[in-house]
């Protein structure tokens, strides 16, 4: 399992479950996540690798490298590195 998150592994499921239990907002857009939405719904929870798994396989199962995100935000970002100024939502007026 070294070098891959293997999302069906018990370790990955535990990491994702622990993150889900925290009910944090999306680390990408900073908005609340619908933790009751069905999987793959755009507003549903997904565990996202802060440093992409494809470029940092050694961090694939490091809980410190996993953040809460919306499914849509995670998929839009893909395996691109985080660019906080690009992804942070503007302040409300």
C-alpha atoms as a PDB file:
ATOM      1  CA  UNK A   1       0.000   0.000   0.000  1.00  0.00           C
ATOM      2  CA  UNK A   2       2.971   2.332   0.294  1.00  0.00           C
ATOM      3  CA  UNK A   3       2.743   5.213  -2.135  1.00  0.00           C
ATOM      4  CA  UNK A   4      -0.978   4.998  -2.821  1.00  0.00           C
ATOM      5  CA  UNK A   5      -4.072   5.891  -0.837  1.00  0.00           C
ATOM      6  CA  UNK A   6      -5.931   2.808  -2.108  1.00  0.00           C
ATOM      7  CA  UNK A   7      -9.309   4.296  -1.281  1.00  0.00           C
ATOM      8  CA  UNK A   8     -10.733   0.865  -0.550  1.00  0.00           C
ATOM      9  CA  UNK A   9      -8.148   0.201   2.174  1.00  0.00           C
ATOM     10  CA  UNK A  10      -9.162   0.261   5.816  1.00  0.00           C
ATOM     11  CA  UNK A  11      -6.497   2.915   6.513  1.00  0.00           C
ATOM     12  CA  UNK A  12      -7.923   5.294   3.890  1.00  0.00           C
ATOM     13  CA  UNK A  13     -11.506   4.674   5.060  1.00  0.00           C
ATOM     14  CA  UNK A  14     -10.452   5.489   8.640  1.00  0.00           C
ATOM     15  CA  UNK A  15      -8.709   8.710   7.532  1.00  0.00           C
ATOM     16  CA  UNK A  16     -11.781   9.794   5.541  1.00  0.00           C
ATOM     17  CA  UNK A  17     -14.189   8.854   8.364  1.00  0.00           C
ATOM     18  CA  UNK A  18     -12.175  10.828  10.918  1.00  0.00           C
ATOM     19  CA  UNK A  19     -12.121  13.829   8.603  1.00  0.00           C
ATOM     20  CA  UNK A  20     -15.860  13.536   7.911  1.00  0.00           C
ATOM     21  CA  UNK A  21     -16.578  13.463  11.656  1.00  0.00           C
ATOM     22  CA  UNK A  22     -14.905  16.875  12.039  1.00  0.00           C
ATOM     23  CA  UNK A  23     -17.471  18.401   9.645  1.00  0.00           C
ATOM     24  CA  UNK A  24     -15.073  21.118   8.495  1.00  0.00           C
ATOM     25  CA  UNK A  25     -15.905  23.499   5.638  1.00  0.00           C
ATOM     26  CA  UNK A  26     -14.345  22.928   2.232  1.00  0.00           C
ATOM     27  CA  UNK A  27     -10.645  23.782   2.358  1.00  0.00           C
ATOM     28  CA  UNK A  28     -10.791  24.984  -1.243  1.00  0.00           C
ATOM     29  CA  UNK A  29     -13.779  27.360  -1.340  1.00  0.00           C
ATOM     30  CA  UNK A  30     -14.219  27.768   2.442  1.00  0.00           C
ATOM     31  CA  UNK A  31     -17.988  27.140   2.216  1.00  0.00           C
ATOM     32  CA  UNK A  32     -19.969  24.585   4.290  1.00  0.00           C
ATOM     33  CA  UNK A  33     -20.142  21.030   2.997  1.00  0.00           C
ATOM     34  CA  UNK A  34     -23.435  19.107   2.849  1.00  0.00           C
ATOM     35  CA  UNK A  35     -22.322  16.077   4.861  1.00  0.00           C
ATOM     36  CA  UNK A  36     -25.738  14.460   4.304  1.00  0.00           C
ATOM     37  CA  UNK A  37     -25.597  14.685   0.496  1.00  0.00           C
ATOM     38  CA  UNK A  38     -25.169  11.401  -1.377  1.00  0.00           C
ATOM     39  CA  UNK A  39     -21.695  10.506  -2.689  1.00  0.00           C
ATOM     40  CA  UNK A  40     -20.699  12.286  -5.913  1.00  0.00           C
ATOM     41  CA  UNK A  41     -23.282  15.039  -5.388  1.00  0.00           C
ATOM     42  CA  UNK A  42     -21.467  18.335  -6.177  1.00  0.00           C
ATOM     43  CA  UNK A  43     -21.898  19.619  -2.592  1.00  0.00           C
ATOM     44  CA  UNK A  44     -21.081  16.328  -0.865  1.00  0.00           C
ATOM     45  CA  UNK A  45     -17.994  15.604   1.227  1.00  0.00           C
ATOM     46  CA  UNK A  46     -14.815  14.200  -0.298  1.00  0.00           C
ATOM     47  CA  UNK A  47     -11.456  13.709   1.346  1.00  0.00           C
ATOM     48  CA  UNK A  48      -8.934  15.642  -0.745  1.00  0.00           C
ATOM     49  CA  UNK A  49      -5.163  15.311  -0.789  1.00  0.00           C
ATOM     50  CA  UNK A  50      -3.671  18.765  -0.135  1.00  0.00           C
ATOM     51  CA  UNK A  51      -0.519  17.689  -1.958  1.00  0.00           C
ATOM     52  CA  UNK A  52      -1.793  15.629  -4.897  1.00  0.00           C
ATOM     53  CA  UNK A  53      -1.358  11.903  -4.616  1.00  0.00           C
ATOM     54  CA  UNK A  54       0.005  11.779  -8.165  1.00  0.00           C
ATOM     55  CA  UNK A  55       2.890  14.127  -7.332  1.00  0.00           C
ATOM     56  CA  UNK A  56       3.405  13.177  -3.669  1.00  0.00           C
ATOM     57  CA  UNK A  57       2.677   9.431  -3.420  1.00  0.00           C
ATOM     58  CA  UNK A  58       4.603   9.260  -0.155  1.00  0.00           C
ATOM     59  CA  UNK A  59       1.888  11.427   1.460  1.00  0.00           C
ATOM     60  CA  UNK A  60      -1.068   9.429   0.111  1.00  0.00           C
ATOM     61  CA  UNK A  61      -2.049   7.986   3.491  1.00  0.00           C
ATOM     62  CA  UNK A  62      -0.720  10.766   5.699  1.00  0.00           C
ATOM     63  CA  UNK A  63      -3.738  12.178   7.581  1.00  0.00           C
ATOM     64  CA  UNK A  64      -2.016  15.578   7.727  1.00  0.00           C
ATOM     65  CA  UNK A  65      -2.194  15.720   3.917  1.00  0.00           C
ATOM     66  CA  UNK A  66      -5.967  15.177   3.717  1.00  0.00           C
ATOM     67  CA  UNK A  67      -8.546  17.966   3.866  1.00  0.00           C
ATOM     68  CA  UNK A  68     -12.330  18.164   3.643  1.00  0.00           C
ATOM     69  CA  UNK A  69     -13.690  19.363   0.314  1.00  0.00           C
ATOM     70  CA  UNK A  70     -16.808  19.462  -1.808  1.00  0.00           C
ATOM     71  CA  UNK A  71     -16.911  16.823  -4.506  1.00  0.00           C
ATOM     72  CA  UNK A  72     -17.150  19.581  -7.152  1.00  0.00           C
ATOM     73  CA  UNK A  73     -14.196  21.530  -5.722  1.00  0.00           C
ATOM     74  CA  UNK A  74     -12.043  18.432  -5.464  1.00  0.00           C
ATOM     75  CA  UNK A  75     -12.809  17.405  -9.050  1.00  0.00           C
ATOM     76  CA  UNK A  76     -12.321  20.919 -10.424  1.00  0.00           C
ATOM     77  CA  UNK A  77      -8.919  21.157  -8.777  1.00  0.00           C
ATOM     78  CA  UNK A  78      -7.851  17.736 -10.033  1.00  0.00           C
ATOM     79  CA  UNK A  79      -4.187  17.068  -9.306  1.00  0.00           C
ATOM     80  CA  UNK A  80      -3.153  20.719  -9.460  1.00  0.00           C
ATOM     81  CA  UNK A  81      -1.178  22.121  -6.529  1.00  0.00           C
ATOM     82  CA  UNK A  82      -3.134  24.294  -4.112  1.00  0.00           C
ATOM     83  CA  UNK A  83      -3.033  27.972  -4.933  1.00  0.00           C
ATOM     84  CA  UNK A  84      -4.760  29.632  -1.964  1.00  0.00           C
ATOM     85  CA  UNK A  85      -5.217  33.017  -3.612  1.00  0.00           C
ATOM     86  CA  UNK A  86      -6.785  31.331  -6.622  1.00  0.00           C
ATOM     87  CA  UNK A  87      -9.285  29.206  -4.663  1.00  0.00           C
ATOM     88  CA  UNK A  88     -10.279  31.369  -1.693  1.00  0.00           C
ATOM     89  CA  UNK A  89     -13.718  32.890  -2.048  1.00  0.00           C
ATOM     90  CA  UNK A  90     -13.885  36.677  -1.956  1.00  0.00           C
ATOM     91  CA  UNK A  91     -15.114  38.314   1.228  1.00  0.00           C
ATOM     92  CA  UNK A  92     -18.784  39.193   1.416  1.00  0.00           C
ATOM     93  CA  UNK A  93     -19.656  42.800   0.772  1.00  0.00           C
END
